[in-house]
Amino acid sequence: MMKFVLFSISAGLIEIGSFTLLNEVFHLPYWVSYLVALVLSVLWNFTLNRRYTFKSAANVPVAMLKVAAFYVVFTPLSTALEHWYTATLGWNEYLATGANMLLNFVTEFVYQRYFVFGKSLDTRK
C-alpha cells in the first residue's frame, strides 16, 4: 500500500504540474487541461505500480485495456464532477482537481489491486 501511495503522489504531482501548465500558461479550456493531465498521470502511475507495487508479469496490453476500461467510466464522471464543483458550487479549479484526485486514488487502488493485477500479484521476477 505504501508504494502505491508514493507512486500516486508522484502521479499527482505530474497531474497538478501539467494541469497548471496547460491551464495557467497555455490557457486551454479547463476540461482539456484536466483530461491531458489525467492521461499523463495515469500512464505514469500504471507503469510504476505494475512494475514495483504489484510486481505483475501480466500481459501489459491486457492490463492497460483493463485500466483504460476504468477510465472510460471514471473520466466522464470525474469531468462532470469537476464541472459541477467549479460551475455550480463555485469551487476553485485546484480544489476540484484535488477532490477528484482523492476519489481516483481510492477507486483506482481497489480496481487495480483486485481486478487488473489480482491474479498476477508478485509474478514478476
N, C-alpha and C. Protein backbone atom coordinates (compact mmCIF):
# COMPACT_ATOMS: atom_id res chain seq x y z
N MET A 1 0.82 -1.19 0.00
CA MET A 1 0.00 0.00 0.00
C MET A 1 0.87 1.26 0.00
N MET A 2 1.98 1.23 0.74
CA MET A 2 2.83 2.42 0.84
C MET A 2 3.43 2.79 -0.52
N LYS A 3 3.85 1.79 -1.28
CA LYS A 3 4.38 2.07 -2.62
C LYS A 3 3.31 2.72 -3.48
N PHE A 4 2.10 2.20 -3.40
CA PHE A 4 1.01 2.76 -4.19
C PHE A 4 0.79 4.23 -3.80
N VAL A 5 0.84 4.52 -2.51
CA VAL A 5 0.67 5.90 -2.04
C VAL A 5 1.78 6.79 -2.61
N LEU A 6 3.02 6.35 -2.51
CA LEU A 6 4.14 7.17 -3.00
C LEU A 6 4.08 7.38 -4.51
N PHE A 7 3.78 6.32 -5.24
CA PHE A 7 3.67 6.47 -6.70
C PHE A 7 2.47 7.33 -7.07
N SER A 8 1.41 7.23 -6.30
CA SER A 8 0.24 8.07 -6.56
C SER A 8 0.54 9.53 -6.28
N ILE A 9 1.35 9.79 -5.27
CA ILE A 9 1.77 11.17 -5.00
C ILE A 9 2.57 11.70 -6.18
N SER A 10 3.49 10.88 -6.71
CA SER A 10 4.28 11.34 -7.86
C SER A 10 3.38 11.55 -9.08
N ALA A 11 2.40 10.68 -9.26
CA ALA A 11 1.45 10.86 -10.37
C ALA A 11 0.61 12.11 -10.14
N GLY A 12 0.26 12.36 -8.89
CA GLY A 12 -0.49 13.57 -8.56
C GLY A 12 0.31 14.83 -8.87
N LEU A 13 1.61 14.79 -8.59
CA LEU A 13 2.47 15.93 -8.92
C LEU A 13 2.53 16.16 -10.43
N ILE A 14 2.61 15.06 -11.18
CA ILE A 14 2.59 15.17 -12.64
C ILE A 14 1.25 15.75 -13.08
N GLU A 15 0.16 15.27 -12.50
CA GLU A 15 -1.16 15.77 -12.89
C GLU A 15 -1.31 17.25 -12.56
N ILE A 16 -0.96 17.65 -11.36
CA ILE A 16 -1.09 19.06 -10.98
C ILE A 16 -0.14 19.94 -11.79
N GLY A 17 1.08 19.47 -11.99
CA GLY A 17 2.06 20.24 -12.78
C GLY A 17 1.62 20.45 -14.21
N SER A 18 1.18 19.37 -14.85
CA SER A 18 0.75 19.50 -16.25
C SER A 18 -0.55 20.27 -16.34
N PHE A 19 -1.46 20.07 -15.37
CA PHE A 19 -2.70 20.84 -15.36
C PHE A 19 -2.41 22.33 -15.22
N THR A 20 -1.52 22.68 -14.31
CA THR A 20 -1.17 24.08 -14.10
C THR A 20 -0.56 24.68 -15.35
N LEU A 21 0.35 23.97 -15.98
CA LEU A 21 0.98 24.45 -17.21
C LEU A 21 -0.07 24.69 -18.30
N LEU A 22 -0.93 23.72 -18.52
CA LEU A 22 -1.94 23.83 -19.58
C LEU A 22 -3.01 24.88 -19.25
N ASN A 23 -3.39 24.96 -17.98
CA ASN A 23 -4.46 25.88 -17.57
C ASN A 23 -3.96 27.32 -17.44
N GLU A 24 -2.82 27.51 -16.81
CA GLU A 24 -2.34 28.86 -16.50
C GLU A 24 -1.45 29.46 -17.59
N VAL A 25 -0.63 28.64 -18.21
CA VAL A 25 0.31 29.15 -19.21
C VAL A 25 -0.31 29.15 -20.61
N PHE A 26 -0.90 28.03 -20.98
CA PHE A 26 -1.47 27.91 -22.33
C PHE A 26 -2.94 28.29 -22.40
N HIS A 27 -3.58 28.49 -21.26
CA HIS A 27 -4.98 28.92 -21.17
C HIS A 27 -5.93 28.04 -21.98
N LEU A 28 -5.66 26.73 -21.92
CA LEU A 28 -6.56 25.78 -22.58
C LEU A 28 -7.86 25.70 -21.78
N PRO A 29 -8.93 25.28 -22.43
CA PRO A 29 -10.17 25.09 -21.66
C PRO A 29 -9.93 24.15 -20.48
N TYR A 30 -10.66 24.38 -19.43
CA TYR A 30 -10.46 23.64 -18.18
C TYR A 30 -10.51 22.13 -18.41
N TRP A 31 -11.52 21.66 -19.12
CA TRP A 31 -11.68 20.22 -19.30
C TRP A 31 -10.55 19.62 -20.12
N VAL A 32 -9.98 20.37 -21.07
CA VAL A 32 -8.85 19.87 -21.86
C VAL A 32 -7.62 19.74 -20.96
N SER A 33 -7.38 20.76 -20.15
CA SER A 33 -6.25 20.73 -19.22
C SER A 33 -6.39 19.54 -18.27
N TYR A 34 -7.59 19.34 -17.74
CA TYR A 34 -7.83 18.24 -16.81
C TYR A 34 -7.62 16.89 -17.50
N LEU A 35 -8.17 16.73 -18.70
CA LEU A 35 -8.09 15.45 -19.39
C LEU A 35 -6.65 15.08 -19.75
N VAL A 36 -5.90 16.01 -20.30
CA VAL A 36 -4.50 15.74 -20.66
C VAL A 36 -3.69 15.41 -19.41
N ALA A 37 -3.88 16.18 -18.35
CA ALA A 37 -3.16 15.94 -17.10
C ALA A 37 -3.51 14.56 -16.52
N LEU A 38 -4.76 14.19 -16.60
CA LEU A 38 -5.20 12.90 -16.10
C LEU A 38 -4.54 11.76 -16.88
N VAL A 39 -4.51 11.86 -18.19
CA VAL A 39 -3.91 10.80 -19.02
C VAL A 39 -2.42 10.65 -18.70
N LEU A 40 -1.71 11.77 -18.58
CA LEU A 40 -0.28 11.70 -18.25
C LEU A 40 -0.05 11.02 -16.90
N SER A 41 -0.85 11.37 -15.92
CA SER A 41 -0.67 10.77 -14.59
C SER A 41 -1.03 9.30 -14.58
N VAL A 42 -2.04 8.92 -15.35
CA VAL A 42 -2.45 7.50 -15.41
C VAL A 42 -1.34 6.66 -16.02
N LEU A 43 -0.75 7.12 -17.10
CA LEU A 43 0.33 6.36 -17.74
C LEU A 43 1.51 6.18 -16.79
N TRP A 44 1.89 7.23 -16.10
CA TRP A 44 2.98 7.19 -15.12
C TRP A 44 2.64 6.20 -13.99
N ASN A 45 1.46 6.37 -13.42
CA ASN A 45 1.04 5.56 -12.28
C ASN A 45 0.93 4.08 -12.65
N PHE A 46 0.35 3.79 -13.80
CA PHE A 46 0.19 2.41 -14.25
C PHE A 46 1.56 1.74 -14.39
N THR A 47 2.47 2.43 -15.05
CA THR A 47 3.79 1.86 -15.32
C THR A 47 4.53 1.54 -14.02
N LEU A 48 4.56 2.47 -13.09
CA LEU A 48 5.27 2.24 -11.84
C LEU A 48 4.58 1.20 -10.96
N ASN A 49 3.27 1.26 -10.87
CA ASN A 49 2.57 0.32 -10.00
C ASN A 49 2.60 -1.10 -10.54
N ARG A 50 2.51 -1.26 -11.84
CA ARG A 50 2.59 -2.61 -12.40
C ARG A 50 3.94 -3.24 -12.08
N ARG A 51 4.99 -2.46 -12.23
CA ARG A 51 6.34 -2.98 -12.06
C ARG A 51 6.75 -3.13 -10.59
N TYR A 52 6.49 -2.12 -9.78
CA TYR A 52 7.05 -2.10 -8.43
C TYR A 52 6.06 -2.40 -7.30
N THR A 53 4.83 -1.96 -7.43
CA THR A 53 3.87 -2.18 -6.35
C THR A 53 3.26 -3.57 -6.43
N PHE A 54 2.71 -3.88 -7.59
CA PHE A 54 2.02 -5.16 -7.74
C PHE A 54 2.94 -6.24 -8.30
N LYS A 55 4.12 -5.86 -8.79
CA LYS A 55 5.12 -6.78 -9.31
C LYS A 55 4.49 -7.82 -10.24
N SER A 56 3.77 -7.29 -11.22
CA SER A 56 2.99 -8.15 -12.08
C SER A 56 3.69 -8.44 -13.40
N ALA A 57 3.62 -9.69 -13.80
CA ALA A 57 4.11 -10.11 -15.11
C ALA A 57 2.95 -10.28 -16.08
N ALA A 58 1.81 -9.73 -15.71
CA ALA A 58 0.61 -9.84 -16.55
C ALA A 58 0.87 -9.20 -17.91
N ASN A 59 0.13 -9.66 -18.88
CA ASN A 59 0.20 -9.12 -20.22
C ASN A 59 -0.08 -7.62 -20.15
N VAL A 60 0.90 -6.81 -20.56
CA VAL A 60 0.78 -5.35 -20.44
C VAL A 60 -0.40 -4.81 -21.24
N PRO A 61 -0.58 -5.19 -22.51
CA PRO A 61 -1.74 -4.65 -23.24
C PRO A 61 -3.07 -5.00 -22.59
N VAL A 62 -3.19 -6.22 -22.07
CA VAL A 62 -4.44 -6.62 -21.41
C VAL A 62 -4.64 -5.80 -20.14
N ALA A 63 -3.59 -5.66 -19.35
CA ALA A 63 -3.69 -4.88 -18.12
C ALA A 63 -4.02 -3.42 -18.43
N MET A 64 -3.40 -2.87 -19.47
CA MET A 64 -3.67 -1.48 -19.84
C MET A 64 -5.09 -1.32 -20.36
N LEU A 65 -5.61 -2.31 -21.06
CA LEU A 65 -7.00 -2.25 -21.50
C LEU A 65 -7.97 -2.25 -20.31
N LYS A 66 -7.62 -3.03 -19.29
CA LYS A 66 -8.45 -3.04 -18.08
C LYS A 66 -8.43 -1.67 -17.40
N VAL A 67 -7.25 -1.06 -17.35
CA VAL A 67 -7.14 0.29 -16.77
C VAL A 67 -7.89 1.29 -17.65
N ALA A 68 -7.75 1.14 -18.96
CA ALA A 68 -8.48 2.03 -19.88
C ALA A 68 -9.99 1.91 -19.66
N ALA A 69 -10.47 0.69 -19.41
CA ALA A 69 -11.90 0.49 -19.15
C ALA A 69 -12.34 1.25 -17.90
N PHE A 70 -11.49 1.25 -16.88
CA PHE A 70 -11.77 2.02 -15.67
C PHE A 70 -11.93 3.50 -16.03
N TYR A 71 -11.01 4.00 -16.84
CA TYR A 71 -11.03 5.42 -17.17
C TYR A 71 -12.10 5.79 -18.20
N VAL A 72 -12.61 4.83 -18.93
CA VAL A 72 -13.76 5.09 -19.81
C VAL A 72 -14.96 5.49 -18.95
N VAL A 73 -15.05 4.92 -17.76
CA VAL A 73 -16.12 5.27 -16.83
C VAL A 73 -15.72 6.46 -15.96
N PHE A 74 -14.52 6.40 -15.39
CA PHE A 74 -14.10 7.43 -14.43
C PHE A 74 -13.94 8.81 -15.07
N THR A 75 -13.37 8.88 -16.27
CA THR A 75 -13.08 10.19 -16.87
C THR A 75 -14.32 11.03 -17.12
N PRO A 76 -15.36 10.51 -17.79
CA PRO A 76 -16.53 11.36 -17.98
C PRO A 76 -17.21 11.73 -16.65
N LEU A 77 -17.23 10.77 -15.71
CA LEU A 77 -17.83 11.08 -14.42
C LEU A 77 -17.03 12.14 -13.67
N SER A 78 -15.72 12.00 -13.67
CA SER A 78 -14.89 12.98 -12.95
C SER A 78 -14.87 14.33 -13.66
N THR A 79 -14.96 14.33 -14.99
CA THR A 79 -15.05 15.60 -15.72
C THR A 79 -16.36 16.30 -15.39
N ALA A 80 -17.44 15.54 -15.32
CA ALA A 80 -18.73 16.13 -14.93
C ALA A 80 -18.68 16.63 -13.49
N LEU A 81 -18.02 15.87 -12.61
CA LEU A 81 -17.85 16.31 -11.23
C LEU A 81 -17.03 17.59 -11.15
N GLU A 82 -15.96 17.65 -11.93
CA GLU A 82 -15.13 18.86 -11.97
C GLU A 82 -15.97 20.07 -12.40
N HIS A 83 -16.78 19.86 -13.41
CA HIS A 83 -17.63 20.96 -13.88
C HIS A 83 -18.63 21.36 -12.79
N TRP A 84 -19.22 20.39 -12.14
CA TRP A 84 -20.19 20.67 -11.08
C TRP A 84 -19.53 21.41 -9.92
N TYR A 85 -18.34 20.92 -9.52
CA TYR A 85 -17.62 21.59 -8.44
C TYR A 85 -17.35 23.06 -8.76
N THR A 86 -16.88 23.30 -10.00
CA THR A 86 -16.44 24.66 -10.34
C THR A 86 -17.59 25.55 -10.79
N ALA A 87 -18.44 25.06 -11.67
CA ALA A 87 -19.50 25.90 -12.25
C ALA A 87 -20.70 26.06 -11.31
N THR A 88 -21.07 24.99 -10.63
CA THR A 88 -22.27 25.03 -9.79
C THR A 88 -21.94 25.44 -8.35
N LEU A 89 -20.91 24.80 -7.79
CA LEU A 89 -20.57 25.08 -6.39
C LEU A 89 -19.60 26.25 -6.23
N GLY A 90 -18.98 26.66 -7.34
CA GLY A 90 -18.05 27.78 -7.29
C GLY A 90 -16.69 27.45 -6.69
N TRP A 91 -16.33 26.16 -6.68
CA TRP A 91 -15.04 25.77 -6.13
C TRP A 91 -13.92 26.27 -7.02
N ASN A 92 -12.76 26.47 -6.43
CA ASN A 92 -11.53 26.75 -7.16
C ASN A 92 -11.16 25.52 -7.98
N GLU A 93 -10.59 25.74 -9.17
CA GLU A 93 -10.24 24.61 -10.05
C GLU A 93 -9.28 23.63 -9.40
N TYR A 94 -8.36 24.13 -8.59
CA TYR A 94 -7.38 23.26 -7.96
C TYR A 94 -8.00 22.44 -6.82
N LEU A 95 -8.94 23.00 -6.12
CA LEU A 95 -9.67 22.25 -5.09
C LEU A 95 -10.49 21.14 -5.75
N ALA A 96 -11.14 21.46 -6.87
CA ALA A 96 -11.92 20.46 -7.60
C ALA A 96 -11.03 19.34 -8.12
N THR A 97 -9.89 19.70 -8.66
CA THR A 97 -8.95 18.69 -9.15
C THR A 97 -8.45 17.82 -8.00
N GLY A 98 -8.15 18.43 -6.87
CA GLY A 98 -7.69 17.68 -5.70
C GLY A 98 -8.74 16.70 -5.21
N ALA A 99 -10.00 17.12 -5.19
CA ALA A 99 -11.09 16.23 -4.76
C ALA A 99 -11.18 15.03 -5.70
N ASN A 100 -11.09 15.27 -6.99
CA ASN A 100 -11.15 14.15 -7.94
C ASN A 100 -9.91 13.26 -7.86
N MET A 101 -8.77 13.85 -7.55
CA MET A 101 -7.55 13.05 -7.39
C MET A 101 -7.69 12.10 -6.20
N LEU A 102 -8.28 12.56 -5.14
CA LEU A 102 -8.50 11.71 -3.96
C LEU A 102 -9.48 10.58 -4.29
N LEU A 103 -10.56 10.91 -4.97
CA LEU A 103 -11.51 9.89 -5.41
C LEU A 103 -10.84 8.87 -6.32
N ASN A 104 -10.02 9.36 -7.24
CA ASN A 104 -9.30 8.49 -8.16
C ASN A 104 -8.33 7.58 -7.41
N PHE A 105 -7.63 8.11 -6.43
CA PHE A 105 -6.67 7.34 -5.66
C PHE A 105 -7.32 6.12 -5.02
N VAL A 106 -8.43 6.33 -4.37
CA VAL A 106 -9.11 5.25 -3.65
C VAL A 106 -9.69 4.21 -4.61
N THR A 107 -10.42 4.67 -5.61
CA THR A 107 -11.08 3.73 -6.52
C THR A 107 -10.07 3.00 -7.40
N GLU A 108 -9.02 3.69 -7.81
CA GLU A 108 -8.04 3.04 -8.66
C GLU A 108 -7.24 1.97 -7.91
N PHE A 109 -6.91 2.21 -6.65
CA PHE A 109 -6.20 1.18 -5.90
C PHE A 109 -7.02 -0.10 -5.83
N VAL A 110 -8.26 0.02 -5.44
CA VAL A 110 -9.12 -1.15 -5.31
C VAL A 110 -9.26 -1.86 -6.66
N TYR A 111 -9.48 -1.10 -7.71
CA TYR A 111 -9.66 -1.66 -9.05
C TYR A 111 -8.39 -2.38 -9.51
N GLN A 112 -7.24 -1.72 -9.38
CA GLN A 112 -6.00 -2.34 -9.85
C GLN A 112 -5.61 -3.54 -8.99
N ARG A 113 -5.74 -3.40 -7.69
CA ARG A 113 -5.33 -4.47 -6.78
C ARG A 113 -6.14 -5.75 -6.99
N TYR A 114 -7.44 -5.60 -7.16
CA TYR A 114 -8.29 -6.79 -7.21
C TYR A 114 -8.72 -7.21 -8.61
N PHE A 115 -8.75 -6.29 -9.56
CA PHE A 115 -9.21 -6.67 -10.90
C PHE A 115 -8.06 -6.71 -11.92
N VAL A 116 -7.28 -5.67 -12.00
CA VAL A 116 -6.23 -5.62 -13.02
C VAL A 116 -5.10 -6.59 -12.70
N PHE A 117 -4.58 -6.53 -11.48
CA PHE A 117 -3.40 -7.32 -11.12
C PHE A 117 -3.67 -8.41 -10.09
N GLY A 118 -4.91 -8.59 -9.69
CA GLY A 118 -5.24 -9.53 -8.62
C GLY A 118 -4.69 -10.93 -8.77
N LYS A 119 -4.77 -11.49 -9.97
CA LYS A 119 -4.31 -12.86 -10.19
C LYS A 119 -2.83 -12.94 -10.54
N SER A 120 -2.21 -11.79 -10.76
CA SER A 120 -0.80 -11.81 -11.17
C SER A 120 0.12 -11.08 -10.20
N LEU A 121 -0.35 -10.88 -8.97
CA LEU A 121 0.49 -10.22 -7.96
C LEU A 121 1.78 -11.01 -7.74
N ASP A 122 2.87 -10.29 -7.65
CA ASP A 122 4.19 -10.88 -7.34
C ASP A 122 4.61 -11.97 -8.31
N THR A 123 4.25 -11.83 -9.58
CA THR A 123 4.67 -12.82 -10.57
C THR A 123 5.87 -12.34 -11.38
N ARG A 124 6.26 -11.10 -11.21
CA ARG A 124 7.40 -10.54 -11.93
C ARG A 124 8.67 -10.86 -11.16
N LYS A 125 9.69 -11.31 -11.87
CA LYS A 125 10.96 -11.65 -11.23
C LYS A 125 11.83 -10.44 -11.10
